[in-house]
Amino acid sequence: MRKIIISDTSCLITLDKINQLETLRSLFRTITVSTIIAEEYGKSLPAFVEILDPSQKVFSKHFN
């Protein structure tokens, strides 16, 4: 299964507005957002959304 990192809230907000947020879980199983994205979204995130910040080693390993 592919991993996806969401870099802005527009995807979450738009899918939420049309009641299709669950589509992300169907496609990717787990998605990753930063704390900033989670705060901008402003609602509770579903369990399939993982919150990791770019300063964590998980991200730095992928982008270095």
N, C-alpha and C. Protein backbone atom coordinates (compact mmCIF):
# COMPACT_ATOMS: atom_id res chain seq x y z
N MET A 1 0.84 -1.17 0.00
CA MET A 1 0.00 0.00 0.00
C MET A 1 0.89 1.24 0.00
N ARG A 2 0.54 2.21 -0.82
CA ARG A 2 1.29 3.45 -0.89
C ARG A 2 1.04 4.31 0.33
N LYS A 3 2.04 5.13 0.67
CA LYS A 3 1.89 6.09 1.75
C LYS A 3 1.61 7.45 1.14
N ILE A 4 0.81 8.23 1.83
CA ILE A 4 0.53 9.58 1.36
C ILE A 4 0.69 10.55 2.52
N ILE A 5 1.28 11.67 2.22
CA ILE A 5 1.42 12.76 3.17
C ILE A 5 0.63 13.93 2.64
N ILE A 6 -0.30 14.43 3.42
CA ILE A 6 -1.12 15.56 3.01
C ILE A 6 -0.44 16.84 3.50
N SER A 7 -0.19 17.74 2.57
CA SER A 7 0.60 18.93 2.90
C SER A 7 -0.23 20.19 3.11
N ASP A 8 -1.53 20.14 2.87
CA ASP A 8 -2.39 21.27 3.22
C ASP A 8 -3.79 20.76 3.55
N THR A 9 -4.59 21.63 4.11
CA THR A 9 -5.90 21.19 4.62
C THR A 9 -6.99 21.11 3.56
N SER A 10 -6.75 21.65 2.39
CA SER A 10 -7.82 21.71 1.39
C SER A 10 -8.38 20.34 1.05
N CYS A 11 -7.54 19.34 0.96
CA CYS A 11 -8.00 17.99 0.66
C CYS A 11 -8.93 17.48 1.76
N LEU A 12 -8.52 17.64 3.00
CA LEU A 12 -9.34 17.19 4.13
C LEU A 12 -10.66 17.95 4.20
N ILE A 13 -10.60 19.25 4.06
CA ILE A 13 -11.81 20.08 4.16
C ILE A 13 -12.79 19.75 3.03
N THR A 14 -12.28 19.66 1.82
CA THR A 14 -13.15 19.39 0.68
C THR A 14 -13.82 18.01 0.79
N LEU A 15 -13.03 17.00 1.10
CA LEU A 15 -13.62 15.66 1.25
C LEU A 15 -14.60 15.60 2.41
N ASP A 16 -14.32 16.32 3.48
CA ASP A 16 -15.24 16.37 4.62
C ASP A 16 -16.56 17.02 4.23
N LYS A 17 -16.49 18.09 3.47
CA LYS A 17 -17.71 18.80 3.05
C LYS A 17 -18.65 17.93 2.23
N ILE A 18 -18.08 17.00 1.45
CA ILE A 18 -18.92 16.13 0.62
C ILE A 18 -19.05 14.72 1.23
N ASN A 19 -18.72 14.63 2.53
CA ASN A 19 -18.83 13.36 3.27
C ASN A 19 -18.07 12.22 2.62
N GLN A 20 -16.87 12.52 2.13
CA GLN A 20 -16.06 11.50 1.47
C GLN A 20 -14.66 11.37 2.07
N LEU A 21 -14.48 11.80 3.30
CA LEU A 21 -13.18 11.71 3.95
C LEU A 21 -12.70 10.26 4.02
N GLU A 22 -13.62 9.35 4.15
CA GLU A 22 -13.30 7.92 4.23
C GLU A 22 -12.64 7.41 2.94
N THR A 23 -12.81 8.14 1.85
CA THR A 23 -12.17 7.76 0.57
C THR A 23 -10.66 7.68 0.72
N LEU A 24 -10.08 8.56 1.52
CA LEU A 24 -8.63 8.53 1.74
C LEU A 24 -8.20 7.20 2.36
N ARG A 25 -8.97 6.71 3.32
CA ARG A 25 -8.64 5.43 3.95
C ARG A 25 -8.78 4.29 2.95
N SER A 26 -9.79 4.37 2.11
CA SER A 26 -9.99 3.34 1.08
C SER A 26 -8.83 3.26 0.11
N LEU A 27 -8.29 4.42 -0.22
CA LEU A 27 -7.20 4.47 -1.20
C LEU A 27 -5.82 4.21 -0.59
N PHE A 28 -5.60 4.71 0.63
CA PHE A 28 -4.24 4.71 1.17
C PHE A 28 -4.07 4.00 2.51
N ARG A 29 -5.13 3.53 3.11
CA ARG A 29 -5.15 2.88 4.42
C ARG A 29 -4.79 3.85 5.54
N THR A 30 -3.62 4.49 5.46
CA THR A 30 -3.19 5.47 6.46
C THR A 30 -2.66 6.70 5.72
N ILE A 31 -3.00 7.87 6.23
CA ILE A 31 -2.42 9.10 5.68
C ILE A 31 -1.70 9.82 6.80
N THR A 32 -0.78 10.67 6.43
CA THR A 32 0.03 11.39 7.41
C THR A 32 -0.14 12.89 7.20
N VAL A 33 -0.35 13.60 8.30
CA VAL A 33 -0.43 15.06 8.28
C VAL A 33 0.46 15.59 9.39
N SER A 34 0.83 16.85 9.28
CA SER A 34 1.60 17.48 10.35
C SER A 34 0.64 18.02 11.41
N THR A 35 1.18 18.40 12.53
CA THR A 35 0.37 19.00 13.59
C THR A 35 -0.30 20.27 13.10
N ILE A 36 0.41 21.04 12.30
CA ILE A 36 -0.15 22.29 11.76
C ILE A 36 -1.37 22.00 10.90
N ILE A 37 -1.30 21.00 10.05
CA ILE A 37 -2.43 20.62 9.19
C ILE A 37 -3.60 20.17 10.06
N ALA A 38 -3.33 19.35 11.06
CA ALA A 38 -4.38 18.87 11.96
C ALA A 38 -5.07 20.04 12.65
N GLU A 39 -4.29 21.02 13.10
CA GLU A 39 -4.87 22.19 13.77
C GLU A 39 -5.68 23.05 12.79
N GLU A 40 -5.18 23.22 11.57
CA GLU A 40 -5.91 24.00 10.56
C GLU A 40 -7.23 23.32 10.20
N TYR A 41 -7.24 22.01 10.16
CA TYR A 41 -8.47 21.27 9.85
C TYR A 41 -9.54 21.57 10.89
N GLY A 42 -9.14 21.63 12.16
CA GLY A 42 -10.03 22.10 13.21
C GLY A 42 -11.06 21.12 13.73
N LYS A 43 -11.03 19.90 13.27
CA LYS A 43 -11.96 18.87 13.74
C LYS A 43 -11.15 17.67 14.18
N SER A 44 -11.82 16.75 14.84
CA SER A 44 -11.15 15.50 15.18
C SER A 44 -10.84 14.74 13.91
N LEU A 45 -9.65 14.20 13.83
CA LEU A 45 -9.26 13.43 12.67
C LEU A 45 -9.61 11.96 12.89
N PRO A 46 -9.98 11.26 11.81
CA PRO A 46 -10.28 9.84 11.94
C PRO A 46 -9.03 9.06 12.36
N ALA A 47 -9.23 7.87 12.85
CA ALA A 47 -8.14 7.03 13.36
C ALA A 47 -7.10 6.69 12.30
N PHE A 48 -7.47 6.70 11.02
CA PHE A 48 -6.51 6.35 9.97
C PHE A 48 -5.56 7.49 9.62
N VAL A 49 -5.71 8.63 10.27
CA VAL A 49 -4.84 9.78 10.03
C VAL A 49 -3.76 9.80 11.11
N GLU A 50 -2.51 9.75 10.66
CA GLU A 50 -1.35 9.78 11.55
C GLU A 50 -0.79 11.20 11.57
N ILE A 51 -0.44 11.69 12.74
CA ILE A 51 0.12 13.03 12.86
C ILE A 51 1.61 12.91 13.17
N LEU A 52 2.42 13.38 12.25
CA LEU A 52 3.88 13.41 12.41
C LEU A 52 4.38 14.75 11.90
N ASP A 53 5.34 15.31 12.58
CA ASP A 53 5.89 16.59 12.16
C ASP A 53 7.18 16.40 11.37
N PRO A 54 7.47 17.29 10.42
CA PRO A 54 8.66 17.16 9.57
C PRO A 54 9.96 17.07 10.35
N SER A 55 10.01 17.54 11.56
CA SER A 55 11.24 17.46 12.33
C SER A 55 11.51 16.06 12.84
N GLN A 56 10.51 15.19 12.75
CA GLN A 56 10.70 13.82 13.22
C GLN A 56 11.50 13.03 12.19
N LYS A 57 12.27 12.07 12.63
CA LYS A 57 13.18 11.31 11.78
C LYS A 57 12.47 10.61 10.62
N VAL A 58 11.21 10.27 10.79
CA VAL A 58 10.47 9.59 9.73
C VAL A 58 10.50 10.42 8.46
N PHE A 59 10.26 11.74 8.60
CA PHE A 59 10.25 12.61 7.44
C PHE A 59 11.65 12.91 6.95
N SER A 60 12.56 13.20 7.83
CA SER A 60 13.89 13.60 7.40
C SER A 60 14.56 12.47 6.63
N LYS A 61 14.26 11.24 6.94
CA LYS A 61 14.81 10.10 6.23
C LYS A 61 14.35 10.10 4.77
N HIS A 62 13.10 10.50 4.52
CA HIS A 62 12.55 10.49 3.17
C HIS A 62 12.98 11.68 2.33
N PHE A 63 13.30 12.79 2.97
CA PHE A 63 13.58 14.01 2.22
C PHE A 63 15.04 14.40 2.18
N ASN A 64 15.92 13.64 2.77
CA ASN A 64 17.35 13.97 2.74
C ASN A 64 18.06 13.19 1.65
